[in-house]
Amino acid sequence: AEAYRTLRTNLTFAGLDHPIETLVVTSPAPGEGKSI
C-alpha cells in the first residue's frame, strides 16, 4: 500500500511540466496485474 502511495507521488512529480490528469494503465502481455 505504501508503494502505491509512492507511485502517486512519483506521478505527481512526473507531471510537473505536463500535468497528468488522464492516464492509461496497461501491460505488455496478459496476466501481469494491470487491472489490480
PDB file of all heavy atoms in Angstrom:
ATOM      1  N   ALA A   1       0.838  -1.201   0.000  1.00  0.00           N
ATOM      2  CA  ALA A   1       0.000   0.000   0.000  1.00  0.00           C
ATOM      3  C   ALA A   1       0.873   1.251   0.000  1.00  0.00           C
ATOM      4  O   ALA A   1       0.569   2.245  -0.675  1.00  0.00           O
ATOM      5  CB  ALA A   1      -0.934  -0.003   1.203  1.00  0.00           C
ATOM      6  N   GLU A   2       1.960   1.209   0.756  1.00  0.00           N
ATOM      7  CA  GLU A   2       2.885   2.347   0.773  1.00  0.00           C
ATOM      8  C   GLU A   2       3.511   2.555  -0.601  1.00  0.00           C
ATOM      9  O   GLU A   2       3.739   3.694  -1.035  1.00  0.00           O
ATOM     10  CB  GLU A   2       3.981   2.110   1.822  1.00  0.00           C
ATOM     11  CG  GLU A   2       5.020   3.213   1.905  1.00  0.00           C
ATOM     12  CD  GLU A   2       4.413   4.562   2.267  1.00  0.00           C
ATOM     13  OE1 GLU A   2       3.424   4.603   3.018  1.00  0.00           O
ATOM     14  OE2 GLU A   2       4.952   5.586   1.800  1.00  0.00           O
ATOM     15  N   ALA A   3       3.766   1.456  -1.309  1.00  0.00           N
ATOM     16  CA  ALA A   3       4.332   1.561  -2.649  1.00  0.00           C
ATOM     17  C   ALA A   3       3.375   2.279  -3.599  1.00  0.00           C
ATOM     18  O   ALA A   3       3.803   3.067  -4.455  1.00  0.00           O
ATOM     19  CB  ALA A   3       4.667   0.172  -3.188  1.00  0.00           C
ATOM     20  N   TYR A   4       2.074   2.028  -3.443  1.00  0.00           N
ATOM     21  CA  TYR A   4       1.098   2.737  -4.285  1.00  0.00           C
ATOM     22  C   TYR A   4       1.060   4.225  -3.944  1.00  0.00           C
ATOM     23  O   TYR A   4       0.890   5.065  -4.830  1.00  0.00           O
ATOM     24  CB  TYR A   4      -0.292   2.116  -4.134  1.00  0.00           C
ATOM     25  CG  TYR A   4      -0.471   0.864  -4.954  1.00  0.00           C
ATOM     26  CD1 TYR A   4      -0.534  -0.386  -4.352  1.00  0.00           C
ATOM     27  CD2 TYR A   4      -0.563   0.936  -6.346  1.00  0.00           C
ATOM     28  CE1 TYR A   4      -0.686  -1.542  -5.113  1.00  0.00           C
ATOM     29  CE2 TYR A   4      -0.707  -0.218  -7.103  1.00  0.00           C
ATOM     30  CZ  TYR A   4      -0.770  -1.452  -6.488  1.00  0.00           C
ATOM     31  OH  TYR A   4      -0.903  -2.588  -7.243  1.00  0.00           O
ATOM     32  N   ARG A   5       1.246   4.560  -2.672  1.00  0.00           N
ATOM     33  CA  ARG A   5       1.295   5.981  -2.322  1.00  0.00           C
ATOM     34  C   ARG A   5       2.546   6.635  -2.900  1.00  0.00           C
ATOM     35  O   ARG A   5       2.512   7.790  -3.342  1.00  0.00           O
ATOM     36  CB  ARG A   5       1.238   6.134  -0.796  1.00  0.00           C
ATOM     37  CG  ARG A   5      -0.132   5.809  -0.209  1.00  0.00           C
ATOM     38  CD  ARG A   5      -0.236   6.190   1.249  1.00  0.00           C
ATOM     39  NE  ARG A   5       0.500   5.283   2.105  1.00  0.00           N
ATOM     40  CZ  ARG A   5      -0.019   4.162   2.618  1.00  0.00           C
ATOM     41  NH1 ARG A   5      -1.275   3.811   2.344  1.00  0.00           N
ATOM     42  NH2 ARG A   5       0.701   3.385   3.408  1.00  0.00           N
ATOM     43  N   THR A   6       3.637   5.896  -2.921  1.00  0.00           N
ATOM     44  CA  THR A   6       4.859   6.408  -3.549  1.00  0.00           C
ATOM     45  C   THR A   6       4.645   6.599  -5.043  1.00  0.00           C
ATOM     46  O   THR A   6       5.099   7.592  -5.626  1.00  0.00           O
ATOM     47  CB  THR A   6       6.028   5.432  -3.304  1.00  0.00           C
ATOM     48  OG1 THR A   6       6.242   5.295  -1.901  1.00  0.00           O
ATOM     49  CG2 THR A   6       7.307   5.943  -3.961  1.00  0.00           C
ATOM     50  N   LEU A   7       3.940   5.663  -5.662  1.00  0.00           N
ATOM     51  CA  LEU A   7       3.630   5.783  -7.086  1.00  0.00           C
ATOM     52  C   LEU A   7       2.803   7.035  -7.348  1.00  0.00           C
ATOM     53  O   LEU A   7       3.054   7.775  -8.309  1.00  0.00           O
ATOM     54  CB  LEU A   7       2.877   4.541  -7.558  1.00  0.00           C
ATOM     55  CG  LEU A   7       2.347   4.563  -8.997  1.00  0.00           C
ATOM     56  CD1 LEU A   7       3.479   4.733  -9.995  1.00  0.00           C
ATOM     57  CD2 LEU A   7       1.567   3.280  -9.285  1.00  0.00           C
ATOM     58  N   ARG A   8       1.823   7.296  -6.488  1.00  0.00           N
ATOM     59  CA  ARG A   8       1.010   8.501  -6.622  1.00  0.00           C
ATOM     60  C   ARG A   8       1.887   9.752  -6.581  1.00  0.00           C
ATOM     61  O   ARG A   8       1.738  10.664  -7.402  1.00  0.00           O
ATOM     62  CB  ARG A   8      -0.026   8.545  -5.492  1.00  0.00           C
ATOM     63  CG  ARG A   8      -0.918   9.797  -5.492  1.00  0.00           C
ATOM     64  CD  ARG A   8      -1.828   9.806  -4.276  1.00  0.00           C
ATOM     65  NE  ARG A   8      -1.064   9.901  -3.034  1.00  0.00           N
ATOM     66  CZ  ARG A   8      -1.552   9.621  -1.832  1.00  0.00           C
ATOM     67  NH1 ARG A   8      -2.807   9.200  -1.710  1.00  0.00           N
ATOM     68  NH2 ARG A   8      -0.801   9.726  -0.749  1.00  0.00           N
ATOM     69  N   THR A   9       2.827   9.774  -5.661  1.00  0.00           N
ATOM     70  CA  THR A   9       3.740  10.917  -5.545  1.00  0.00           C
ATOM     71  C   THR A   9       4.623  11.038  -6.780  1.00  0.00           C
ATOM     72  O   THR A   9       4.827  12.139  -7.312  1.00  0.00           O
ATOM     73  CB  THR A   9       4.624  10.767  -4.290  1.00  0.00           C
ATOM     74  OG1 THR A   9       3.790  10.687  -3.138  1.00  0.00           O
ATOM     75  CG2 THR A   9       5.566  11.951  -4.153  1.00  0.00           C
ATOM     76  N   ASN A  10       5.141   9.911  -7.244  1.00  0.00           N
ATOM     77  CA  ASN A  10       6.010   9.932  -8.429  1.00  0.00           C
ATOM     78  C   ASN A  10       5.272  10.443  -9.657  1.00  0.00           C
ATOM     79  O   ASN A  10       5.849  11.167 -10.484  1.00  0.00           O
ATOM     80  CB  ASN A  10       6.578   8.539  -8.691  1.00  0.00           C
ATOM     81  CG  ASN A  10       7.584   8.116  -7.642  1.00  0.00           C
ATOM     82  OD1 ASN A  10       8.068   8.943  -6.864  1.00  0.00           O
ATOM     83  ND2 ASN A  10       7.897   6.834  -7.603  1.00  0.00           N
ATOM     84  N   LEU A  11       4.005  10.071  -9.794  1.00  0.00           N
ATOM     85  CA  LEU A  11       3.218  10.551 -10.929  1.00  0.00           C
ATOM     86  C   LEU A  11       3.004  12.061 -10.842  1.00  0.00           C
ATOM     87  O   LEU A  11       2.988  12.755 -11.854  1.00  0.00           O
ATOM     88  CB  LEU A  11       1.873   9.831 -10.982  1.00  0.00           C
ATOM     89  CG  LEU A  11       1.926   8.368 -11.426  1.00  0.00           C
ATOM     90  CD1 LEU A  11       0.570   7.698 -11.219  1.00  0.00           C
ATOM     91  CD2 LEU A  11       2.340   8.264 -12.896  1.00  0.00           C
ATOM     92  N   THR A  12       2.876  12.555  -9.628  1.00  0.00           N
ATOM     93  CA  THR A  12       2.729  13.999  -9.445  1.00  0.00           C
ATOM     94  C   THR A  12       3.984  14.719  -9.921  1.00  0.00           C
ATOM     95  O   THR A  12       3.916  15.717 -10.644  1.00  0.00           O
ATOM     96  CB  THR A  12       2.470  14.336  -7.966  1.00  0.00           C
ATOM     97  OG1 THR A  12       1.264  13.693  -7.547  1.00  0.00           O
ATOM     98  CG2 THR A  12       2.329  15.841  -7.770  1.00  0.00           C
ATOM     99  N   PHE A  13       5.144  14.211  -9.542  1.00  0.00           N
ATOM    100  CA  PHE A  13       6.393  14.836  -9.960  1.00  0.00           C
ATOM    101  C   PHE A  13       6.646  14.647 -11.460  1.00  0.00           C
ATOM    102  O   PHE A  13       7.211  15.522 -12.114  1.00  0.00           O
ATOM    103  CB  PHE A  13       7.566  14.278  -9.153  1.00  0.00           C
ATOM    104  CG  PHE A  13       7.697  14.886  -7.789  1.00  0.00           C
ATOM    105  CD1 PHE A  13       7.312  14.176  -6.664  1.00  0.00           C
ATOM    106  CD2 PHE A  13       8.175  16.174  -7.624  1.00  0.00           C
ATOM    107  CE1 PHE A  13       7.415  14.736  -5.399  1.00  0.00           C
ATOM    108  CE2 PHE A  13       8.282  16.751  -6.368  1.00  0.00           C
ATOM    109  CZ  PHE A  13       7.907  16.028  -5.246  1.00  0.00           C
ATOM    110  N   ALA A  14       6.197  13.513 -12.002  1.00  0.00           N
ATOM    111  CA  ALA A  14       6.377  13.277 -13.441  1.00  0.00           C
ATOM    112  C   ALA A  14       5.551  14.247 -14.264  1.00  0.00           C
ATOM    113  O   ALA A  14       5.834  14.466 -15.444  1.00  0.00           O
ATOM    114  CB  ALA A  14       5.999  11.838 -13.788  1.00  0.00           C
ATOM    115  N   GLY A  15       4.519  14.828 -13.649  1.00  0.00           N
ATOM    116  CA  GLY A  15       3.634  15.729 -14.373  1.00  0.00           C
ATOM    117  C   GLY A  15       3.841  17.195 -14.049  1.00  0.00           C
ATOM    118  O   GLY A  15       2.930  18.001 -14.253  1.00  0.00           O
ATOM    119  N   LEU A  16       5.024  17.561 -13.550  1.00  0.00           N
ATOM    120  CA  LEU A  16       5.260  18.959 -13.197  1.00  0.00           C
ATOM    121  C   LEU A  16       5.154  19.871 -14.416  1.00  0.00           C
ATOM    122  O   LEU A  16       4.563  20.948 -14.357  1.00  0.00           O
ATOM    123  CB  LEU A  16       6.630  19.109 -12.525  1.00  0.00           C
ATOM    124  CG  LEU A  16       6.745  18.564 -11.089  1.00  0.00           C
ATOM    125  CD1 LEU A  16       8.151  18.777 -10.549  1.00  0.00           C
ATOM    126  CD2 LEU A  16       5.723  19.230 -10.178  1.00  0.00           C
ATOM    127  N   ASP A  17       5.763  19.466 -15.525  1.00  0.00           N
ATOM    128  CA  ASP A  17       5.712  20.289 -16.737  1.00  0.00           C
ATOM    129  C   ASP A  17       4.413  20.081 -17.500  1.00  0.00           C
ATOM    130  O   ASP A  17       3.860  21.024 -18.070  1.00  0.00           O
ATOM    131  CB  ASP A  17       6.907  19.972 -17.647  1.00  0.00           C
ATOM    132  CG  ASP A  17       8.227  20.425 -17.031  1.00  0.00           C
ATOM    133  OD1 ASP A  17       8.206  21.409 -16.264  1.00  0.00           O
ATOM    134  OD2 ASP A  17       9.261  19.784 -17.304  1.00  0.00           O
ATOM    135  N   HIS A  18       3.952  18.825 -17.539  1.00  0.00           N
ATOM    136  CA  HIS A  18       2.716  18.492 -18.236  1.00  0.00           C
ATOM    137  C   HIS A  18       1.854  17.664 -17.283  1.00  0.00           C
ATOM    138  O   HIS A  18       2.013  16.445 -17.205  1.00  0.00           O
ATOM    139  CB  HIS A  18       2.999  17.705 -19.518  1.00  0.00           C
ATOM    140  CG  HIS A  18       3.926  18.409 -20.463  1.00  0.00           C
ATOM    141  ND1 HIS A  18       3.528  19.453 -21.251  1.00  0.00           N
ATOM    142  CD2 HIS A  18       5.251  18.220 -20.723  1.00  0.00           C
ATOM    143  CE1 HIS A  18       4.541  19.881 -21.975  1.00  0.00           C
ATOM    144  NE2 HIS A  18       5.606  19.152 -21.667  1.00  0.00           N
ATOM    145  N   PRO A  19       0.962  18.297 -16.523  1.00  0.00           N
ATOM    146  CA  PRO A  19       0.169  17.591 -15.512  1.00  0.00           C
ATOM    147  C   PRO A  19      -0.542  16.358 -16.069  1.00  0.00           C
ATOM    148  O   PRO A  19      -1.084  16.383 -17.177  1.00  0.00           O
ATOM    149  CB  PRO A  19      -0.846  18.656 -15.068  1.00  0.00           C
ATOM    150  CG  PRO A  19      -0.167  19.950 -15.332  1.00  0.00           C
ATOM    151  CD  PRO A  19       0.644  19.729 -16.585  1.00  0.00           C
ATOM    152  N   ILE A  20      -0.503  15.285 -15.291  1.00  0.00           N
ATOM    153  CA  ILE A  20      -1.138  14.032 -15.690  1.00  0.00           C
ATOM    154  C   ILE A  20      -2.526  13.984 -15.078  1.00  0.00           C
ATOM    155  O   ILE A  20      -2.679  13.738 -13.885  1.00  0.00           O
ATOM    156  CB  ILE A  20      -0.297  12.830 -15.246  1.00  0.00           C
ATOM    157  CG1 ILE A  20       1.080  12.888 -15.889  1.00  0.00           C
ATOM    158  CG2 ILE A  20      -1.005  11.522 -15.605  1.00  0.00           C
ATOM    159  CD1 ILE A  20       2.060  11.862 -15.333  1.00  0.00           C
ATOM    160  N   GLU A  21      -3.525  14.248 -15.896  1.00  0.00           N
ATOM    161  CA  GLU A  21      -4.911  14.237 -15.438  1.00  0.00           C
ATOM    162  C   GLU A  21      -5.699  13.081 -16.046  1.00  0.00           C
ATOM    163  O   GLU A  21      -6.772  12.741 -15.562  1.00  0.00           O
ATOM    164  CB  GLU A  21      -5.573  15.573 -15.773  1.00  0.00           C
ATOM    165  CG  GLU A  21      -4.894  16.764 -15.084  1.00  0.00           C
ATOM    166  CD  GLU A  21      -5.427  18.091 -15.542  1.00  0.00           C
ATOM    167  OE1 GLU A  21      -6.037  18.142 -16.639  1.00  0.00           O
ATOM    168  OE2 GLU A  21      -5.237  19.088 -14.823  1.00  0.00           O
ATOM    169  N   THR A  22      -5.182  12.514 -17.123  1.00  0.00           N
ATOM    170  CA  THR A  22      -5.797  11.346 -17.753  1.00  0.00           C
ATOM    171  C   THR A  22      -4.683  10.336 -18.025  1.00  0.00           C
ATOM    172  O   THR A  22      -3.702  10.652 -18.690  1.00  0.00           O
ATOM    173  CB  THR A  22      -6.507  11.728 -19.069  1.00  0.00           C
ATOM    174  OG1 THR A  22      -5.592  12.446 -19.922  1.00  0.00           O
ATOM    175  CG2 THR A  22      -7.713  12.612 -18.804  1.00  0.00           C
ATOM    176  N   LEU A  23      -4.825   9.132 -17.504  1.00  0.00           N
ATOM    177  CA  LEU A  23      -3.732   8.156 -17.553  1.00  0.00           C
ATOM    178  C   LEU A  23      -4.262   6.769 -17.905  1.00  0.00           C
ATOM    179  O   LEU A  23      -5.235   6.299 -17.312  1.00  0.00           O
ATOM    180  CB  LEU A  23      -3.031   8.105 -16.191  1.00  0.00           C
ATOM    181  CG  LEU A  23      -1.838   7.150 -16.038  1.00  0.00           C
ATOM    182  CD1 LEU A  23      -0.646   7.656 -16.842  1.00  0.00           C
ATOM    183  CD2 LEU A  23      -1.460   7.018 -14.561  1.00  0.00           C
ATOM    184  N   VAL A  24      -3.612   6.122 -18.856  1.00  0.00           N
ATOM    185  CA  VAL A  24      -3.920   4.736 -19.209  1.00  0.00           C
ATOM    186  C   VAL A  24      -2.964   3.813 -18.463  1.00  0.00           C
ATOM    187  O   VAL A  24      -1.752   4.053 -18.426  1.00  0.00           O
ATOM    188  CB  VAL A  24      -3.774   4.506 -20.727  1.00  0.00           C
ATOM    189  CG1 VAL A  24      -3.746   3.011 -21.053  1.00  0.00           C
ATOM    190  CG2 VAL A  24      -4.924   5.163 -21.472  1.00  0.00           C
ATOM    191  N   VAL A  25      -3.501   2.765 -17.848  1.00  0.00           N
ATOM    192  CA  VAL A  25      -2.699   1.734 -17.198  1.00  0.00           C
ATOM    193  C   VAL A  25      -2.818   0.468 -18.032  1.00  0.00           C
ATOM    194  O   VAL A  25      -3.923  -0.011 -18.296  1.00  0.00           O
ATOM    195  CB  VAL A  25      -3.180   1.470 -15.758  1.00  0.00           C
ATOM    196  CG1 VAL A  25      -2.323   0.387 -15.098  1.00  0.00           C
ATOM    197  CG2 VAL A  25      -3.131   2.754 -14.933  1.00  0.00           C
ATOM    198  N   THR A  26      -1.676  -0.061 -18.458  1.00  0.00           N
ATOM    199  CA  THR A  26      -1.693  -1.248 -19.309  1.00  0.00           C
ATOM    200  C   THR A  26      -0.476  -2.106 -18.990  1.00  0.00           C
ATOM    201  O   THR A  26       0.276  -1.811 -18.053  1.00  0.00           O
ATOM    202  CB  THR A  26      -1.719  -0.858 -20.802  1.00  0.00           C
ATOM    203  OG1 THR A  26      -1.855  -2.047 -21.600  1.00  0.00           O
ATOM    204  CG2 THR A  26      -0.472  -0.113 -21.219  1.00  0.00           C
ATOM    205  N   SER A  27      -0.280  -3.157 -19.743  1.00  0.00           N
ATOM    206  CA  SER A  27       0.851  -4.065 -19.533  1.00  0.00           C
ATOM    207  C   SER A  27       1.290  -4.605 -20.887  1.00  0.00           C
ATOM    208  O   SER A  27       0.557  -4.509 -21.874  1.00  0.00           O
ATOM    209  CB  SER A  27       0.446  -5.215 -18.607  1.00  0.00           C
ATOM    210  OG  SER A  27      -0.616  -5.962 -19.185  1.00  0.00           O
ATOM    211  N   PRO A  28       2.492  -5.175 -20.965  1.00  0.00           N
ATOM    212  CA  PRO A  28       2.924  -5.754 -22.242  1.00  0.00           C
ATOM    213  C   PRO A  28       2.052  -6.929 -22.684  1.00  0.00           C
ATOM    214  O   PRO A  28       1.643  -7.014 -23.842  1.00  0.00           O
ATOM    215  CB  PRO A  28       4.358  -6.212 -21.958  1.00  0.00           C
ATOM    216  CG  PRO A  28       4.815  -5.337 -20.834  1.00  0.00           C
ATOM    217  CD  PRO A  28       3.584  -5.152 -19.974  1.00  0.00           C
ATOM    218  N   ALA A  29       1.761  -7.840 -21.757  1.00  0.00           N
ATOM    219  CA  ALA A  29       1.024  -9.069 -22.093  1.00  0.00           C
ATOM    220  C   ALA A  29      -0.027  -9.336 -21.012  1.00  0.00           C
ATOM    221  O   ALA A  29      -0.033  -8.700 -19.964  1.00  0.00           O
ATOM    222  CB  ALA A  29       2.003 -10.241 -22.201  1.00  0.00           C
ATOM    223  N   PRO A  30      -0.931 -10.290 -21.261  1.00  0.00           N
ATOM    224  CA  PRO A  30      -1.959 -10.611 -20.256  1.00  0.00           C
ATOM    225  C   PRO A  30      -1.366 -11.206 -18.984  1.00  0.00           C
ATOM    226  O   PRO A  30      -0.260 -11.753 -18.993  1.00  0.00           O
ATOM    227  CB  PRO A  30      -2.841 -11.643 -20.988  1.00  0.00           C
ATOM    228  CG  PRO A  30      -2.568 -11.433 -22.440  1.00  0.00           C
ATOM    229  CD  PRO A  30      -1.136 -11.026 -22.529  1.00  0.00           C
ATOM    230  N   GLY A  31      -2.114 -11.089 -17.891  1.00  0.00           N
ATOM    231  CA  GLY A  31      -1.745 -11.755 -16.655  1.00  0.00           C
ATOM    232  C   GLY A  31      -0.631 -11.099 -15.866  1.00  0.00           C
ATOM    233  O   GLY A  31       0.026 -11.774 -15.053  1.00  0.00           O
ATOM    234  N   GLU A  32      -0.417  -9.802 -16.063  1.00  0.00           N
ATOM    235  CA  GLU A  32       0.684  -9.126 -15.377  1.00  0.00           C
ATOM    236  C   GLU A  32       0.209  -8.147 -14.294  1.00  0.00           C
ATOM    237  O   GLU A  32       0.993  -7.380 -13.756  1.00  0.00           O
ATOM    238  CB  GLU A  32       1.569  -8.420 -16.406  1.00  0.00           C
ATOM    239  CG  GLU A  32       2.290  -9.424 -17.289  1.00  0.00           C
ATOM    240  CD  GLU A  32       2.971  -8.822 -18.509  1.00  0.00           C
ATOM    241  OE1 GLU A  32       2.525  -7.764 -18.981  1.00  0.00           O
ATOM    242  OE2 GLU A  32       3.942  -9.433 -19.001  1.00  0.00           O
ATOM    243  N   GLY A  33      -1.091  -8.184 -13.987  1.00  0.00           N
ATOM    244  CA  GLY A  33      -1.599  -7.436 -12.852  1.00  0.00           C
ATOM    245  C   GLY A  33      -1.970  -5.996 -13.109  1.00  0.00           C
ATOM    246  O   GLY A  33      -2.107  -5.208 -12.177  1.00  0.00           O
ATOM    247  N   LYS A  34      -2.225  -5.649 -14.375  1.00  0.00           N
ATOM    248  CA  LYS A  34      -2.518  -4.243 -14.697  1.00  0.00           C
ATOM    249  C   LYS A  34      -3.821  -3.769 -14.056  1.00  0.00           C
ATOM    250  O   LYS A  34      -3.894  -2.632 -13.560  1.00  0.00           O
ATOM    251  CB  LYS A  34      -2.589  -4.044 -16.210  1.00  0.00           C
ATOM    252  CG  LYS A  34      -3.752  -4.776 -16.877  1.00  0.00           C
ATOM    253  CD  LYS A  34      -3.874  -4.495 -18.346  1.00  0.00           C
ATOM    254  CE  LYS A  34      -5.057  -5.247 -18.950  1.00  0.00           C
ATOM    255  NZ  LYS A  34      -6.363  -4.852 -18.393  1.00  0.00           N
ATOM    256  N   SER A  35      -4.850  -4.595 -14.050  1.00  0.00           N
ATOM    257  CA  SER A  35      -6.148  -4.176 -13.515  1.00  0.00           C
ATOM    258  C   SER A  35      -6.093  -3.986 -12.006  1.00  0.00           C
ATOM    259  O   SER A  35      -6.663  -3.030 -11.467  1.00  0.00           O
ATOM    260  CB  SER A  35      -7.235  -5.188 -13.882  1.00  0.00           C
ATOM    261  OG  SER A  35      -7.369  -5.290 -15.284  1.00  0.00           O
ATOM    262  N   ILE A  36      -5.402  -4.881 -11.310  1.00  0.00           N
ATOM    263  CA  ILE A  36      -5.253  -4.734  -9.865  1.00  0.00           C
ATOM    264  C   ILE A  36      -4.437  -3.493  -9.548  1.00  0.00           C
ATOM    265  O   ILE A  36      -4.745  -2.740  -8.624  1.00  0.00           O
ATOM    266  CB  ILE A  36      -4.595  -5.995  -9.272  1.00  0.00           C
ATOM    267  CG1 ILE A  36      -5.522  -7.197  -9.439  1.00  0.00           C
ATOM    268  CG2 ILE A  36      -4.254  -5.787  -7.803  1.00  0.00           C
ATOM    269  CD1 ILE A  36      -4.903  -8.512  -9.028  1.00  0.00           C
TER     270      ILE A  36
END
